[in-house]
Amino acid sequence: MFFWVSGVYFEPEFVEARDILTKVTALTSILDDIYDAYGTLEELVLITEAIQKYLIHIFFPYLLNLINFV
């Protein structure tokens, strides 16, 4: 499941980046499974709105700064 991580950062000095990427991927997968299996419609609507607000107000400005930097 997480075999692609070693292809992204295959050099030995990137061991910490591989660990972080693997943990983030695993956590995302677990949260997605919980979201799908145990959430009621009302809870899922609230969580989805919170995630969308987070992405719009916090994540995208960082992404735009990165794009402008590159």
PDB file of N, CA and C in Angstrom:
ATOM      1  N   MET A   1       0.808  -1.182   0.000  1.00  0.00           N
ATOM      2  CA  MET A   1       0.000   0.000   0.000  1.00  0.00           C
ATOM      3  C   MET A   1       0.863   1.262   0.000  1.00  0.00           C
ATOM      4  N   PHE A   2       1.942   1.275   0.745  1.00  0.00           N
ATOM      5  CA  PHE A   2       2.780   2.460   0.837  1.00  0.00           C
ATOM      6  C   PHE A   2       4.121   2.257   0.136  1.00  0.00           C
ATOM      7  N   PHE A   3       4.181   1.333  -0.803  1.00  0.00           N
ATOM      8  CA  PHE A   3       5.435   1.035  -1.471  1.00  0.00           C
ATOM      9  C   PHE A   3       5.928   2.192  -2.333  1.00  0.00           C
ATOM     10  N   TRP A   4       5.046   3.054  -2.804  1.00  0.00           N
ATOM     11  CA  TRP A   4       5.435   4.158  -3.668  1.00  0.00           C
ATOM     12  C   TRP A   4       6.250   5.213  -2.927  1.00  0.00           C
ATOM     13  N   VAL A   5       6.202   5.207  -1.606  1.00  0.00           N
ATOM     14  CA  VAL A   5       6.935   6.205  -0.831  1.00  0.00           C
ATOM     15  C   VAL A   5       8.434   6.045  -1.044  1.00  0.00           C
ATOM     16  N   SER A   6       8.919   4.832  -1.137  1.00  0.00           N
ATOM     17  CA  SER A   6      10.350   4.632  -1.322  1.00  0.00           C
ATOM     18  C   SER A   6      10.798   5.102  -2.702  1.00  0.00           C
ATOM     19  N   GLY A   7       9.891   5.166  -3.665  1.00  0.00           N
ATOM     20  CA  GLY A   7      10.245   5.667  -4.981  1.00  0.00           C
ATOM     21  C   GLY A   7      10.342   7.185  -5.025  1.00  0.00           C
ATOM     22  N   VAL A   8       9.687   7.850  -4.099  1.00  0.00           N
ATOM     23  CA  VAL A   8       9.706   9.301  -4.085  1.00  0.00           C
ATOM     24  C   VAL A   8      11.007   9.815  -3.475  1.00  0.00           C
ATOM     25  N   TYR A   9      11.373   9.288  -2.320  1.00  0.00           N
ATOM     26  CA  TYR A   9      12.590   9.691  -1.613  1.00  0.00           C
ATOM     27  C   TYR A   9      13.444   8.457  -1.377  1.00  0.00           C
ATOM     28  N   PHE A  10      14.184   8.065  -2.385  1.00  0.00           N
ATOM     29  CA  PHE A  10      14.902   6.801  -2.269  1.00  0.00           C
ATOM     30  C   PHE A  10      16.307   6.938  -1.700  1.00  0.00           C
ATOM     31  N   GLU A  11      16.844   8.148  -1.624  1.00  0.00           N
ATOM     32  CA  GLU A  11      18.181   8.320  -1.075  1.00  0.00           C
ATOM     33  C   GLU A  11      18.157   8.119   0.443  1.00  0.00           C
ATOM     34  N   PRO A  12      19.227   7.596   1.024  1.00  0.00           N
ATOM     35  CA  PRO A  12      19.257   7.327   2.466  1.00  0.00           C
ATOM     36  C   PRO A  12      19.063   8.564   3.339  1.00  0.00           C
ATOM     37  N   GLU A  13      19.473   9.732   2.865  1.00  0.00           N
ATOM     38  CA  GLU A  13      19.344  10.924   3.698  1.00  0.00           C
ATOM     39  C   GLU A  13      17.906  11.418   3.828  1.00  0.00           C
ATOM     40  N   PHE A  14      16.986  10.847   3.063  1.00  0.00           N
ATOM     41  CA  PHE A  14      15.583  11.248   3.118  1.00  0.00           C
ATOM     42  C   PHE A  14      14.730  10.295   3.947  1.00  0.00           C
ATOM     43  N   VAL A  15      15.344   9.620   4.895  1.00  0.00           N
ATOM     44  CA  VAL A  15      14.607   8.656   5.707  1.00  0.00           C
ATOM     45  C   VAL A  15      13.501   9.339   6.510  1.00  0.00           C
ATOM     46  N   GLU A  16      13.761  10.533   7.003  1.00  0.00           N
ATOM     47  CA  GLU A  16      12.746  11.236   7.787  1.00  0.00           C
ATOM     48  C   GLU A  16      11.559  11.653   6.901  1.00  0.00           C
ATOM     49  N   ALA A  17      11.845  12.085   5.687  1.00  0.00           N
ATOM     50  CA  ALA A  17      10.771  12.454   4.767  1.00  0.00           C
ATOM     51  C   ALA A  17       9.912  11.241   4.426  1.00  0.00           C
ATOM     52  N   ARG A  18      10.543  10.083   4.239  1.00  0.00           N
ATOM     53  CA  ARG A  18       9.776   8.851   3.975  1.00  0.00           C
ATOM     54  C   ARG A  18       8.897   8.495   5.152  1.00  0.00           C
ATOM     55  N   ASP A  19       9.419   8.630   6.355  1.00  0.00           N
ATOM     56  CA  ASP A  19       8.629   8.321   7.552  1.00  0.00           C
ATOM     57  C   ASP A  19       7.420   9.248   7.669  1.00  0.00           C
ATOM     58  N   ILE A  20       7.637  10.529   7.472  1.00  0.00           N
ATOM     59  CA  ILE A  20       6.543  11.493   7.577  1.00  0.00           C
ATOM     60  C   ILE A  20       5.502  11.239   6.497  1.00  0.00           C
ATOM     61  N   LEU A  21       5.942  11.030   5.273  1.00  0.00           N
ATOM     62  CA  LEU A  21       5.008  10.787   4.174  1.00  0.00           C
ATOM     63  C   LEU A  21       4.207   9.509   4.395  1.00  0.00           C
ATOM     64  N   THR A  22       4.843   8.477   4.913  1.00  0.00           N
ATOM     65  CA  THR A  22       4.143   7.236   5.198  1.00  0.00           C
ATOM     66  C   THR A  22       3.109   7.426   6.294  1.00  0.00           C
ATOM     67  N   LYS A  23       3.462   8.159   7.344  1.00  0.00           N
ATOM     68  CA  LYS A  23       2.520   8.405   8.442  1.00  0.00           C
ATOM     69  C   LYS A  23       1.331   9.250   7.991  1.00  0.00           C
ATOM     70  N   VAL A  24       1.588  10.265   7.189  1.00  0.00           N
ATOM     71  CA  VAL A  24       0.497  11.106   6.689  1.00  0.00           C
ATOM     72  C   VAL A  24      -0.431  10.291   5.793  1.00  0.00           C
ATOM     73  N   THR A  25       0.136   9.470   4.937  1.00  0.00           N
ATOM     74  CA  THR A  25      -0.675   8.629   4.054  1.00  0.00           C
ATOM     75  C   THR A  25      -1.494   7.631   4.849  1.00  0.00           C
ATOM     76  N   ALA A  26      -0.893   7.010   5.846  1.00  0.00           N
ATOM     77  CA  ALA A  26      -1.617   6.049   6.673  1.00  0.00           C
ATOM     78  C   ALA A  26      -2.737   6.725   7.453  1.00  0.00           C
ATOM     79  N   LEU A  27      -2.461   7.881   8.040  1.00  0.00           N
ATOM     80  CA  LEU A  27      -3.477   8.607   8.790  1.00  0.00           C
ATOM     81  C   LEU A  27      -4.628   9.041   7.887  1.00  0.00           C
ATOM     82  N   THR A  28      -4.307   9.504   6.701  1.00  0.00           N
ATOM     83  CA  THR A  28      -5.348   9.900   5.752  1.00  0.00           C
ATOM     84  C   THR A  28      -6.211   8.710   5.365  1.00  0.00           C
ATOM     85  N   SER A  29      -5.596   7.577   5.141  1.00  0.00           N
ATOM     86  CA  SER A  29      -6.345   6.373   4.785  1.00  0.00           C
ATOM     87  C   SER A  29      -7.257   5.930   5.922  1.00  0.00           C
ATOM     88  N   ILE A  30      -6.753   5.963   7.133  1.00  0.00           N
ATOM     89  CA  ILE A  30      -7.558   5.561   8.296  1.00  0.00           C
ATOM     90  C   ILE A  30      -8.728   6.520   8.495  1.00  0.00           C
ATOM     91  N   LEU A  31      -8.465   7.821   8.410  1.00  0.00           N
ATOM     92  CA  LEU A  31      -9.543   8.798   8.573  1.00  0.00           C
ATOM     93  C   LEU A  31     -10.591   8.660   7.472  1.00  0.00           C
ATOM     94  N   ASP A  32     -10.166   8.365   6.263  1.00  0.00           N
ATOM     95  CA  ASP A  32     -11.112   8.167   5.170  1.00  0.00           C
ATOM     96  C   ASP A  32     -11.990   6.947   5.420  1.00  0.00           C
ATOM     97  N   ASP A  33     -11.400   5.874   5.906  1.00  0.00           N
ATOM     98  CA  ASP A  33     -12.182   4.668   6.211  1.00  0.00           C
ATOM     99  C   ASP A  33     -13.191   4.931   7.328  1.00  0.00           C
ATOM    100  N   ILE A  34     -12.775   5.643   8.368  1.00  0.00           N
ATOM    101  CA  ILE A  34     -13.695   5.984   9.464  1.00  0.00           C
ATOM    102  C   ILE A  34     -14.806   6.887   8.949  1.00  0.00           C
ATOM    103  N   TYR A  35     -14.439   7.855   8.131  1.00  0.00           N
ATOM    104  CA  TYR A  35     -15.411   8.781   7.548  1.00  0.00           C
ATOM    105  C   TYR A  35     -16.471   8.002   6.765  1.00  0.00           C
ATOM    106  N   ASP A  36     -16.030   7.054   5.953  1.00  0.00           N
ATOM    107  CA  ASP A  36     -16.963   6.289   5.120  1.00  0.00           C
ATOM    108  C   ASP A  36     -17.827   5.324   5.930  1.00  0.00           C
ATOM    109  N   ALA A  37     -17.258   4.701   6.937  1.00  0.00           N
ATOM    110  CA  ALA A  37     -17.958   3.610   7.610  1.00  0.00           C
ATOM    111  C   ALA A  37     -18.826   4.052   8.781  1.00  0.00           C
ATOM    112  N   TYR A  38     -18.412   5.065   9.519  1.00  0.00           N
ATOM    113  CA  TYR A  38     -19.074   5.352  10.781  1.00  0.00           C
ATOM    114  C   TYR A  38     -19.772   6.708  10.864  1.00  0.00           C
ATOM    115  N   GLY A  39     -19.640   7.537   9.860  1.00  0.00           N
ATOM    116  CA  GLY A  39     -20.217   8.869   9.950  1.00  0.00           C
ATOM    117  C   GLY A  39     -21.685   8.902   9.580  1.00  0.00           C
ATOM    118  N   THR A  40     -22.458   9.685  10.336  1.00  0.00           N
ATOM    119  CA  THR A  40     -23.842   9.933   9.951  1.00  0.00           C
ATOM    120  C   THR A  40     -23.848  11.081   8.950  1.00  0.00           C
ATOM    121  N   LEU A  41     -24.945  11.249   8.250  1.00  0.00           N
ATOM    122  CA  LEU A  41     -25.006  12.282   7.222  1.00  0.00           C
ATOM    123  C   LEU A  41     -24.753  13.668   7.806  1.00  0.00           C
ATOM    124  N   GLU A  42     -25.327  13.962   8.962  1.00  0.00           N
ATOM    125  CA  GLU A  42     -25.141  15.273   9.570  1.00  0.00           C
ATOM    126  C   GLU A  42     -23.684  15.507   9.955  1.00  0.00           C
ATOM    127  N   GLU A  43     -23.038  14.495  10.508  1.00  0.00           N
ATOM    128  CA  GLU A  43     -21.628  14.614  10.885  1.00  0.00           C
ATOM    129  C   GLU A  43     -20.745  14.786   9.650  1.00  0.00           C
ATOM    130  N   LEU A  44     -21.060  14.037   8.617  1.00  0.00           N
ATOM    131  CA  LEU A  44     -20.239  14.099   7.407  1.00  0.00           C
ATOM    132  C   LEU A  44     -20.342  15.463   6.730  1.00  0.00           C
ATOM    133  N   VAL A  45     -21.523  16.059   6.762  1.00  0.00           N
ATOM    134  CA  VAL A  45     -21.683  17.391   6.186  1.00  0.00           C
ATOM    135  C   VAL A  45     -20.827  18.398   6.956  1.00  0.00           C
ATOM    136  N   LEU A  46     -20.858  18.332   8.276  1.00  0.00           N
ATOM    137  CA  LEU A  46     -20.060  19.251   9.091  1.00  0.00           C
ATOM    138  C   LEU A  46     -18.562  19.058   8.864  1.00  0.00           C
ATOM    139  N   ILE A  47     -18.138  17.822   8.834  1.00  0.00           N
ATOM    140  CA  ILE A  47     -16.712  17.546   8.631  1.00  0.00           C
ATOM    141  C   ILE A  47     -16.270  18.004   7.250  1.00  0.00           C
ATOM    142  N   THR A  48     -17.082  17.737   6.241  1.00  0.00           N
ATOM    143  CA  THR A  48     -16.741  18.143   4.878  1.00  0.00           C
ATOM    144  C   THR A  48     -16.640  19.658   4.776  1.00  0.00           C
ATOM    145  N   GLU A  49     -17.560  20.388   5.382  1.00  0.00           N
ATOM    146  CA  GLU A  49     -17.502  21.847   5.357  1.00  0.00           C
ATOM    147  C   GLU A  49     -16.253  22.355   6.071  1.00  0.00           C
ATOM    148  N   ALA A  50     -15.904  21.748   7.189  1.00  0.00           N
ATOM    149  CA  ALA A  50     -14.707  22.166   7.927  1.00  0.00           C
ATOM    150  C   ALA A  50     -13.447  21.923   7.103  1.00  0.00           C
ATOM    151  N   ILE A  51     -13.373  20.788   6.441  1.00  0.00           N
ATOM    152  CA  ILE A  51     -12.201  20.482   5.613  1.00  0.00           C
ATOM    153  C   ILE A  51     -12.116  21.441   4.434  1.00  0.00           C
ATOM    154  N   GLN A  52     -13.241  21.737   3.809  1.00  0.00           N
ATOM    155  CA  GLN A  52     -13.229  22.671   2.687  1.00  0.00           C
ATOM    156  C   GLN A  52     -12.789  24.064   3.128  1.00  0.00           C
ATOM    157  N   LYS A  53     -13.254  24.523   4.275  1.00  0.00           N
ATOM    158  CA  LYS A  53     -12.833  25.826   4.788  1.00  0.00           C
ATOM    159  C   LYS A  53     -11.342  25.828   5.083  1.00  0.00           C
ATOM    160  N   TYR A  54     -10.851  24.731   5.651  1.00  0.00           N
ATOM    161  CA  TYR A  54      -9.429  24.627   5.942  1.00  0.00           C
ATOM    162  C   TYR A  54      -8.615  24.707   4.656  1.00  0.00           C
ATOM    163  N   LEU A  55      -9.025  23.952   3.644  1.00  0.00           N
ATOM    164  CA  LEU A  55      -8.274  23.939   2.398  1.00  0.00           C
ATOM    165  C   LEU A  55      -8.281  25.300   1.719  1.00  0.00           C
ATOM    166  N   ILE A  56      -9.419  25.955   1.730  1.00  0.00           N
ATOM    167  CA  ILE A  56      -9.520  27.238   1.035  1.00  0.00           C
ATOM    168  C   ILE A  56      -8.740  28.319   1.765  1.00  0.00           C
ATOM    169  N   HIS A  57      -8.858  28.396   3.080  1.00  0.00           N
ATOM    170  CA  HIS A  57      -8.275  29.512   3.823  1.00  0.00           C
ATOM    171  C   HIS A  57      -6.843  29.285   4.286  1.00  0.00           C
ATOM    172  N   ILE A  58      -6.426  28.056   4.385  1.00  0.00           N
ATOM    173  CA  ILE A  58      -5.087  27.804   4.916  1.00  0.00           C
ATOM    174  C   ILE A  58      -4.177  27.155   3.884  1.00  0.00           C
ATOM    175  N   PHE A  59      -4.650  26.126   3.219  1.00  0.00           N
ATOM    176  CA  PHE A  59      -3.780  25.358   2.329  1.00  0.00           C
ATOM    177  C   PHE A  59      -3.491  26.093   1.028  1.00  0.00           C
ATOM    178  N   PHE A  60      -4.501  26.669   0.391  1.00  0.00           N
ATOM    179  CA  PHE A  60      -4.303  27.286  -0.916  1.00  0.00           C
ATOM    180  C   PHE A  60      -3.371  28.492  -0.900  1.00  0.00           C
ATOM    181  N   PRO A  61      -3.392  29.368   0.118  1.00  0.00           N
ATOM    182  CA  PRO A  61      -2.391  30.451   0.118  1.00  0.00           C
ATOM    183  C   PRO A  61      -0.952  29.927   0.146  1.00  0.00           C
ATOM    184  N   TYR A  62      -0.701  28.862   0.897  1.00  0.00           N
ATOM    185  CA  TYR A  62       0.636  28.265   0.896  1.00  0.00           C
ATOM    186  C   TYR A  62       0.969  27.692  -0.467  1.00  0.00           C
ATOM    187  N   LEU A  63      -0.010  27.060  -1.092  1.00  0.00           N
ATOM    188  CA  LEU A  63       0.208  26.493  -2.425  1.00  0.00           C
ATOM    189  C   LEU A  63       0.496  27.600  -3.421  1.00  0.00           C
ATOM    190  N   LEU A  64      -0.244  28.695  -3.363  1.00  0.00           N
ATOM    191  CA  LEU A  64       0.001  29.801  -4.266  1.00  0.00           C
ATOM    192  C   LEU A  64       1.377  30.416  -4.048  1.00  0.00           C
ATOM    193  N   ASN A  65       1.798  30.538  -2.797  1.00  0.00           N
ATOM    194  CA  ASN A  65       3.136  31.041  -2.511  1.00  0.00           C
ATOM    195  C   ASN A  65       4.199  30.126  -3.080  1.00  0.00           C
ATOM    196  N   LEU A  66       3.983  28.827  -2.978  1.00  0.00           N
ATOM    197  CA  LEU A  66       4.938  27.870  -3.526  1.00  0.00           C
ATOM    198  C   LEU A  66       4.990  27.967  -5.040  1.00  0.00           C
ATOM    199  N   ILE A  67       3.838  28.085  -5.674  1.00  0.00           N
ATOM    200  CA  ILE A  67       3.809  28.207  -7.136  1.00  0.00           C
ATOM    201  C   ILE A  67       4.500  29.482  -7.566  1.00  0.00           C
ATOM    202  N   ASN A  68       4.245  30.571  -6.872  1.00  0.00           N
ATOM    203  CA  ASN A  68       4.908  31.834  -7.216  1.00  0.00           C
ATOM    204  C   ASN A  68       6.409  31.753  -6.993  1.00  0.00           C
ATOM    205  N   PHE A  69       6.831  31.002  -5.992  1.00  0.00           N
ATOM    206  CA  PHE A  69       8.254  30.836  -5.702  1.00  0.00           C
ATOM    207  C   PHE A  69       8.945  30.055  -6.806  1.00  0.00           C
ATOM    208  N   VAL A  70       8.288  29.016  -7.286  1.00  0.00           N
ATOM    209  CA  VAL A  70       8.878  28.175  -8.328  1.00  0.00           C
ATOM    210  C   VAL A  70       8.819  28.921  -9.630  1.00  0.00           C
TER     211      VAL A  70
END
